[in-house]
Amino acid sequence: MIARQNPPFRAEHIGSLLRPRALKNAFKAHAVGDIDDAAFEASKDEAIRDVVAMQESLGLEMVTDGEFRRKSYWGHWVDAIDGFSVAPSLFRFYDGGGAEQDFIAADCVGPIRKTAPISTEEFSFLKSVVTSAEPKITMPSPSTLHFWRLSKTIADSGYATDEAFFDALCAIFRQEIADLAALGCRYVQLDEVPLIMLGSPAICDQVRYLGSDPGYLLNLYIEAMNAAVRHRGDVVAGMHMCRGNFRGKWLSEGGYDLIAEQVFQLVDVDAFMLEYDTERAGGFEPLRHVPDDKTVVLGIVSSKVPEVEAAEDLKRRIEDAAQYIDRDRLSISPQCGFASTVAGNPVTEDDEKAKLATLVQVAEDVWG
């Protein structure tokens, strides 16, 4: 495959990978005190070495540590920042069978201040075990540390306004990205859920019912994202837009149409990673709003179901998208990670590898 000089690469994945059984067991054993911290870290190190080797063996030009050190895609930020706690979300996950799932979310209970490493130690180890690929670090977007509880998030924080809260939070993001860059990181991905949820009329109605204004939040979260990645220098920033990913369940449905022009034109990132795995994501027409200096990663493989997509079907979808954006500005990936939490999605490690291998092969066929 002809590599791009900079990320994103033609075949990508979104970050989290299925934890192997031994690592899941280590999480459980550590939680009840059956193994100590050193043994727990050794289990993570071993699993990360193996999963990096797996990714490189498939021909991926970028790799992650599978998010194997994390309980969830955002929890390590709460753990490392004084002033954060957790509380019940105002929203729920759903699936195609009508099942619902409650979850907990970040809650600000005082002035926020970083008191421990967030992703720098993760990156240092990842970089040390990579042999040929680009290491990517993923992190939650600023909005994901606010939206699930809306104004309740800062009710007991001491911050008088949402803007004041985000001023403090985004300063931590900028410092985190600068610290990562100092270690040699040149590729970060921010996982953004609320912006695409605000493209759903049903979610907007729910937001209004809960006493907030969807238009205000859309502007607030765009400004927060831009503040978070400002002054990033040579670091490539991608924004993954996700409708929720928990054991195969989701938070919202609906296309990009209502928010595409505003988000694609105003958010200052280098690439958009977009979910396009089901009809719930709508059509490719909104891609016409993506500026010429930005790239798009099409999430056309599902991390939520075990069936491996047919290569020819994926190629047709790429050509469909290329009606609205130059094919040379496209890449492909799963729509989300395979395990946003330790539990993972309802697929096997063999399914995961087959899907990633298919992405690499399709990318080679399409782009050479």
Protein backbone atom coordinates (compact mmCIF):
# COMPACT_ATOMS: atom_id res chain seq x y z
CA MET A 1 0.00 0.00 0.00
CA ILE A 2 1.25 3.49 -0.83
CA ALA A 3 1.41 5.28 2.50
CA ARG A 4 0.30 8.82 3.03
CA GLN A 5 2.98 11.07 4.44
CA ASN A 6 0.67 12.05 7.28
CA PRO A 7 -2.27 10.39 9.04
CA PRO A 8 -4.98 9.36 8.64
CA PHE A 9 -3.88 6.35 6.63
CA ARG A 10 -5.93 4.50 4.03
CA ALA A 11 -6.88 1.69 6.42
CA GLU A 12 -7.53 2.85 9.99
CA HIS A 13 -9.17 1.64 13.13
CA ILE A 14 -10.77 3.80 15.78
CA GLY A 15 -8.74 2.79 18.82
CA SER A 16 -10.17 0.28 21.23
CA LEU A 17 -9.68 -3.43 20.59
CA LEU A 18 -11.10 -6.51 22.28
CA ARG A 19 -9.31 -7.27 25.53
CA PRO A 20 -7.99 -10.84 25.55
CA ARG A 21 -9.41 -13.16 28.19
CA ALA A 22 -6.22 -13.05 30.27
CA LEU A 23 -6.41 -9.26 30.48
CA LYS A 24 -10.11 -9.29 31.43
CA ASN A 25 -9.26 -11.76 34.17
CA ALA A 26 -6.47 -9.48 35.36
CA PHE A 27 -8.89 -6.55 35.62
CA LYS A 28 -11.21 -8.69 37.75
CA ALA A 29 -8.41 -10.06 39.91
CA HIS A 30 -6.95 -6.63 40.54
CA ALA A 31 -10.35 -5.22 41.47
CA VAL A 32 -10.74 -7.75 44.29
CA GLY A 33 -7.11 -7.64 45.42
CA ASP A 34 -6.03 -11.05 44.10
CA ILE A 35 -3.10 -9.49 42.17
CA ASP A 36 -1.06 -6.42 43.04
CA ASP A 37 -0.42 -3.31 40.95
CA ALA A 38 2.84 -4.63 39.52
CA ALA A 39 1.28 -7.87 38.31
CA PHE A 40 -1.66 -5.94 36.85
CA GLU A 41 0.64 -3.62 34.90
CA ALA A 42 2.67 -6.59 33.66
CA SER A 43 -0.54 -8.16 32.32
CA LYS A 44 -1.36 -4.97 30.45
CA ASP A 45 2.16 -4.68 29.05
CA GLU A 46 2.07 -8.23 27.72
CA ALA A 47 -1.37 -7.79 26.15
CA ILE A 48 -0.33 -4.52 24.50
CA ARG A 49 2.83 -6.04 23.01
CA ASP A 50 0.71 -8.81 21.52
CA VAL A 51 -2.00 -6.53 20.13
CA VAL A 52 0.53 -4.14 18.58
CA ALA A 53 2.21 -7.10 16.87
CA MET A 54 -1.20 -8.26 15.63
CA GLN A 55 -1.98 -4.88 14.11
CA GLU A 56 1.39 -4.60 12.39
CA SER A 57 1.13 -8.16 11.07
CA LEU A 58 -2.10 -7.21 9.29
CA GLY A 59 -0.36 -4.36 7.48
CA LEU A 60 -1.96 -1.47 9.36
CA GLU A 61 0.11 1.71 9.10
CA MET A 62 -1.25 3.02 12.40
CA VAL A 63 -1.61 1.20 15.69
CA THR A 64 -3.01 1.83 19.15
CA ASP A 65 -2.53 0.00 22.43
CA GLY A 66 -6.16 -1.13 22.11
CA GLU A 67 -6.96 1.19 25.04
CA PHE A 68 -5.97 -1.81 27.16
CA ARG A 69 -4.96 0.29 30.18
CA ARG A 70 -8.43 1.86 30.43
CA LYS A 71 -11.71 0.75 31.90
CA SER A 72 -13.52 2.91 29.34
CA TYR A 73 -12.63 5.42 26.66
CA TRP A 74 -13.09 8.40 29.00
CA GLY A 75 -12.62 7.10 32.55
CA HIS A 76 -8.86 7.72 32.69
CA TRP A 77 -9.50 11.46 32.29
CA VAL A 78 -11.81 11.50 35.28
CA ASP A 79 -9.28 9.48 37.30
CA ALA A 80 -6.42 11.86 36.49
CA ILE A 81 -8.26 15.15 37.09
CA ASP A 82 -9.14 16.40 40.55
CA GLY A 83 -12.64 17.90 40.60
CA PHE A 84 -14.25 15.12 38.54
CA SER A 85 -16.48 12.36 39.84
CA VAL A 86 -19.18 10.24 38.17
CA ALA A 87 -22.97 10.26 38.32
CA PRO A 88 -25.89 8.78 36.34
CA SER A 89 -26.30 9.99 32.76
CA LEU A 90 -29.51 11.64 31.62
CA PHE A 91 -29.38 9.54 28.43
CA ARG A 92 -29.54 5.80 27.69
CA PHE A 93 -28.14 3.29 25.24
CA TYR A 94 -30.48 1.32 22.94
CA ASP A 95 -30.35 -1.62 20.58
CA GLY A 96 -32.41 -2.89 17.68
CA GLY A 97 -34.48 -5.10 19.97
CA GLY A 98 -35.71 -2.26 22.15
CA ALA A 99 -33.43 -2.95 25.13
CA GLU A 100 -32.18 0.05 27.10
CA GLN A 101 -29.02 0.51 29.15
CA ASP A 102 -28.26 3.17 31.76
CA PHE A 103 -24.69 4.36 32.23
CA ILE A 104 -22.60 6.68 34.37
CA ALA A 105 -20.95 9.87 33.17
CA ALA A 106 -18.46 12.52 34.24
CA ASP A 107 -19.66 14.95 36.90
CA CYS A 108 -17.75 18.07 37.93
CA VAL A 109 -17.77 18.57 41.70
CA GLY A 110 -15.13 21.26 42.07
CA PRO A 111 -12.37 23.17 40.26
CA ILE A 112 -10.60 20.83 37.88
CA ARG A 113 -6.86 20.25 37.98
CA LYS A 114 -4.77 17.47 36.45
CA THR A 115 -3.05 15.52 39.23
CA ALA A 116 -1.75 12.44 37.39
CA PRO A 117 -0.63 11.42 33.89
CA ILE A 118 -3.50 10.96 31.46
CA SER A 119 -2.16 9.46 28.22
CA THR A 120 1.57 10.21 28.29
CA GLU A 121 2.59 6.98 30.00
CA GLU A 122 0.31 5.04 27.63
CA PHE A 123 2.01 6.65 24.64
CA SER A 124 5.54 6.13 25.92
CA PHE A 125 5.01 2.39 26.28
CA LEU A 126 3.14 2.12 22.97
CA LYS A 127 5.93 3.93 21.14
CA SER A 128 8.51 1.60 22.70
CA VAL A 129 6.88 -1.55 21.30
CA VAL A 130 5.93 -0.31 17.83
CA THR A 131 8.30 -1.43 15.08
CA SER A 132 6.91 -0.08 11.82
CA ALA A 133 3.59 1.76 12.27
CA GLU A 134 2.43 5.17 13.50
CA PRO A 135 1.23 5.13 17.13
CA LYS A 136 -2.11 6.88 17.64
CA ILE A 137 -3.48 8.12 20.94
CA THR A 138 -7.22 8.45 21.48
CA MET A 139 -8.98 10.67 23.99
CA PRO A 140 -12.54 11.74 24.74
CA SER A 141 -13.70 15.08 23.38
CA PRO A 142 -14.37 17.95 25.80
CA SER A 143 -18.10 17.67 25.18
CA THR A 144 -18.22 14.04 26.35
CA LEU A 145 -17.20 15.28 29.81
CA HIS A 146 -20.26 17.55 29.91
CA PHE A 147 -23.17 16.51 27.68
CA TRP A 148 -24.47 13.38 29.44
CA ARG A 149 -25.63 15.41 32.45
CA LEU A 150 -26.05 18.76 30.65
CA SER A 151 -26.17 21.67 33.09
CA LYS A 152 -26.18 19.24 36.04
CA THR A 153 -22.55 18.46 35.19
CA ILE A 154 -21.35 21.74 36.69
CA ALA A 155 -24.13 22.33 39.24
CA ASP A 156 -21.80 21.60 42.18
CA SER A 157 -18.54 22.61 40.53
CA GLY A 158 -18.15 26.25 41.45
CA TYR A 159 -18.02 27.18 37.75
CA ALA A 160 -20.63 29.86 37.10
CA THR A 161 -21.02 29.05 33.38
CA ASP A 162 -20.42 26.25 30.92
CA GLU A 163 -17.90 28.50 29.21
CA ALA A 164 -15.86 28.85 32.40
CA PHE A 165 -15.84 25.07 32.84
CA PHE A 166 -14.66 24.52 29.27
CA ASP A 167 -11.97 27.19 29.58
CA ALA A 168 -10.44 25.14 32.40
CA LEU A 169 -11.01 21.77 30.73
CA CYS A 170 -9.65 22.73 27.32
CA ALA A 171 -6.49 24.11 28.91
CA ILE A 172 -5.88 20.58 30.19
CA PHE A 173 -6.47 19.19 26.69
CA ARG A 174 -3.97 21.60 25.15
CA GLN A 175 -1.35 20.73 27.75
CA GLU A 176 -1.98 17.01 27.28
CA ILE A 177 -1.50 17.26 23.51
CA ALA A 178 1.65 19.36 24.02
CA ASP A 179 3.03 16.79 26.48
CA LEU A 180 2.28 13.98 24.02
CA ALA A 181 3.95 15.89 21.19
CA ALA A 182 7.06 16.36 23.34
CA LEU A 183 7.26 12.56 23.57
CA GLY A 184 7.06 12.18 19.80
CA CYS A 185 3.32 11.73 19.31
CA ARG A 186 2.08 13.15 16.03
CA TYR A 187 -1.40 11.66 15.79
CA VAL A 188 -4.30 12.12 18.22
CA GLN A 189 -7.96 11.25 17.86
CA LEU A 190 -10.72 12.89 19.89
CA ASP A 191 -13.85 10.77 20.30
CA GLU A 192 -16.86 13.06 19.86
CA VAL A 193 -20.39 11.83 20.53
CA PRO A 194 -22.61 14.81 21.48
CA LEU A 195 -22.19 16.73 18.20
CA ILE A 196 -23.68 13.96 16.09
CA MET A 197 -26.36 13.30 18.73
CA LEU A 198 -27.39 16.94 18.28
CA GLY A 199 -28.03 16.08 14.64
CA SER A 200 -30.93 13.88 15.76
CA PRO A 201 -34.33 15.65 16.06
CA ALA A 202 -35.35 13.14 18.75
CA ILE A 203 -32.27 13.90 20.85
CA CYS A 204 -32.80 17.64 20.35
CA ASP A 205 -36.34 17.25 21.67
CA GLN A 206 -34.97 15.37 24.68
CA VAL A 207 -32.39 18.09 25.29
CA ARG A 208 -35.10 20.75 25.24
CA TYR A 209 -37.24 18.68 27.62
CA LEU A 210 -34.26 18.55 29.98
CA GLY A 211 -34.01 22.34 29.91
CA SER A 212 -31.13 22.95 27.49
CA ASP A 213 -30.87 24.53 24.03
CA PRO A 214 -29.48 22.25 21.27
CA GLY A 215 -28.26 25.20 19.18
CA TYR A 216 -26.37 26.67 22.12
CA LEU A 217 -24.78 23.30 22.88
CA LEU A 218 -23.76 22.76 19.26
CA ASN A 219 -21.90 26.07 19.22
CA LEU A 220 -20.47 25.47 22.69
CA TYR A 221 -19.07 22.07 21.76
CA ILE A 222 -17.60 23.24 18.46
CA GLU A 223 -15.81 26.05 20.28
CA ALA A 224 -14.62 23.62 22.96
CA MET A 225 -13.20 21.21 20.38
CA ASN A 226 -11.34 24.04 18.68
CA ALA A 227 -9.99 25.27 21.99
CA ALA A 228 -8.82 21.76 22.88
CA VAL A 229 -6.72 21.29 19.70
CA ARG A 230 -5.49 24.87 19.34
CA HIS A 231 -1.71 25.36 19.12
CA ARG A 232 -1.17 21.64 18.38
CA GLY A 233 1.74 22.34 16.05
CA ASP A 234 2.56 19.38 13.81
CA VAL A 235 0.24 16.97 15.62
CA VAL A 236 -2.49 15.64 13.33
CA ALA A 237 -5.88 15.81 15.04
CA GLY A 238 -8.79 13.63 13.98
CA MET A 239 -12.33 13.88 15.33
CA HIS A 240 -14.25 10.63 15.52
CA MET A 241 -18.01 11.25 15.44
CA CYS A 242 -19.75 8.40 17.24
CA ARG A 243 -23.41 7.65 17.99
CA GLY A 244 -22.49 5.60 21.05
CA ASN A 245 -20.86 2.22 21.37
CA PHE A 246 -21.52 -0.03 24.35
CA ARG A 247 -21.73 -3.81 23.91
CA GLY A 248 -23.29 -3.27 20.49
CA LYS A 249 -25.77 -0.63 21.66
CA TRP A 250 -26.01 3.02 20.57
CA LEU A 251 -27.22 6.37 21.88
CA SER A 252 -28.79 7.95 18.81
CA GLU A 253 -29.57 7.57 15.13
CA GLY A 254 -29.82 9.92 12.21
CA GLY A 255 -27.60 11.34 9.49
CA TYR A 256 -25.20 14.26 9.44
CA ASP A 257 -27.50 16.50 7.40
CA LEU A 258 -28.65 18.88 10.15
CA ILE A 259 -25.16 19.64 11.47
CA ALA A 260 -22.82 18.87 8.56
CA GLU A 261 -22.26 22.37 7.20
CA GLN A 262 -21.65 23.89 10.61
CA VAL A 263 -19.50 21.09 12.02
CA PHE A 264 -17.45 20.28 8.93
CA GLN A 265 -16.81 23.92 8.12
CA LEU A 266 -16.09 25.19 11.63
CA VAL A 267 -14.36 22.40 13.56
CA ASP A 268 -10.59 22.89 13.26
CA VAL A 269 -9.33 19.32 12.96
CA ASP A 270 -7.42 17.66 10.14
CA ALA A 271 -9.71 14.66 9.65
CA PHE A 272 -13.23 13.52 10.40
CA MET A 273 -13.79 9.85 11.30
CA LEU A 274 -17.45 9.26 10.47
CA GLU A 275 -19.78 6.37 11.28
CA TYR A 276 -21.36 4.92 8.15
CA ASP A 277 -21.90 1.29 9.12
CA THR A 278 -25.72 1.20 9.02
CA GLU A 279 -28.66 3.03 7.49
CA ARG A 280 -29.01 4.83 10.83
CA ALA A 281 -26.08 7.02 9.73
CA GLY A 282 -27.83 8.42 6.66
CA GLY A 283 -26.28 9.07 3.24
CA PHE A 284 -22.98 10.44 2.00
CA GLU A 285 -24.43 13.71 0.67
CA PRO A 286 -23.29 15.76 3.72
CA LEU A 287 -19.67 15.06 2.74
CA ARG A 288 -19.97 17.85 0.20
CA HIS A 289 -19.55 20.27 3.11
CA VAL A 290 -16.10 18.97 4.09
CA PRO A 291 -13.46 21.62 3.23
CA ASP A 292 -10.83 20.75 0.65
CA ASP A 293 -8.01 20.74 3.20
CA LYS A 294 -9.58 18.03 5.37
CA THR A 295 -9.82 14.27 4.98
CA VAL A 296 -12.57 11.82 5.88
CA VAL A 297 -12.31 8.31 7.29
CA LEU A 298 -15.41 6.34 6.31
CA GLY A 299 -16.51 4.00 9.11
CA ILE A 300 -18.09 1.44 6.78
CA VAL A 301 -17.18 -1.72 8.72
CA SER A 302 -19.19 -2.54 11.83
CA SER A 303 -17.49 -3.26 15.15
CA LYS A 304 -20.87 -4.28 16.62
CA VAL A 305 -21.70 -7.41 14.63
CA PRO A 306 -19.58 -10.50 13.83
CA GLU A 307 -20.38 -10.75 10.13
CA VAL A 308 -17.40 -9.67 8.01
CA GLU A 309 -18.33 -7.21 5.29
CA ALA A 310 -17.77 -8.23 1.68
CA ALA A 311 -14.86 -6.43 0.06
CA GLU A 312 -16.83 -5.58 -3.08
CA ASP A 313 -19.60 -4.02 -1.00
CA LEU A 314 -17.05 -1.82 0.77
CA LYS A 315 -15.54 -0.74 -2.55
CA ARG A 316 -18.99 0.24 -3.83
CA ARG A 317 -19.56 2.34 -0.73
CA ILE A 318 -16.25 4.13 -1.26
CA GLU A 319 -17.30 4.97 -4.82
CA ASP A 320 -20.69 6.17 -3.55
CA ALA A 321 -18.97 8.52 -1.12
CA ALA A 322 -16.59 9.72 -3.84
CA GLN A 323 -19.54 11.34 -5.59
CA TYR A 324 -19.41 14.02 -2.88
CA ILE A 325 -15.74 14.21 -1.90
CA ASP A 326 -12.54 13.45 -3.80
CA ARG A 327 -11.67 9.78 -3.37
CA ASP A 328 -8.06 10.73 -2.64
CA ARG A 329 -9.24 12.45 0.55
CA LEU A 330 -10.91 9.27 1.84
CA SER A 331 -9.82 6.44 4.09
CA ILE A 332 -11.75 3.53 5.62
CA SER A 333 -12.20 2.08 9.10
CA PRO A 334 -14.67 0.40 11.44
CA GLN A 335 -17.38 2.81 12.55
CA CYS A 336 -16.05 2.76 16.14
CA GLY A 337 -13.78 0.79 18.42
CA PHE A 338 -14.34 -2.86 19.23
CA ALA A 339 -14.34 -2.32 22.98
CA SER A 340 -15.13 1.14 24.33
CA THR A 341 -15.21 -0.58 27.75
CA VAL A 342 -13.40 -3.65 29.09
CA ALA A 343 -16.44 -5.82 28.31
CA GLY A 344 -16.19 -5.23 24.56
CA ASN A 345 -18.69 -5.64 21.75
CA PRO A 346 -20.44 -8.92 20.79
CA VAL A 347 -17.72 -10.04 18.37
CA THR A 348 -14.73 -12.37 18.75
CA GLU A 349 -11.03 -11.61 18.35
CA ASP A 350 -11.09 -13.64 15.12
CA ASP A 351 -13.96 -11.46 13.85
CA GLU A 352 -11.98 -8.35 14.76
CA LYS A 353 -8.86 -9.53 12.93
CA ALA A 354 -10.88 -10.54 9.86
CA LYS A 355 -12.53 -7.12 9.70
CA LEU A 356 -9.21 -5.28 10.06
CA ALA A 357 -7.58 -7.51 7.44
CA THR A 358 -10.46 -6.79 5.06
CA LEU A 359 -9.97 -3.05 5.53
CA VAL A 360 -6.27 -3.34 4.70
CA GLN A 361 -6.96 -5.43 1.58
CA VAL A 362 -9.72 -3.11 0.33
CA ALA A 363 -7.49 -0.08 0.87
CA GLU A 364 -4.73 -1.72 -1.15
CA ASP A 365 -7.17 -2.56 -3.94
CA VAL A 366 -8.69 0.92 -4.08
CA TRP A 367 -5.69 3.19 -3.53
CA GLY A 368 -2.78 0.98 -4.59
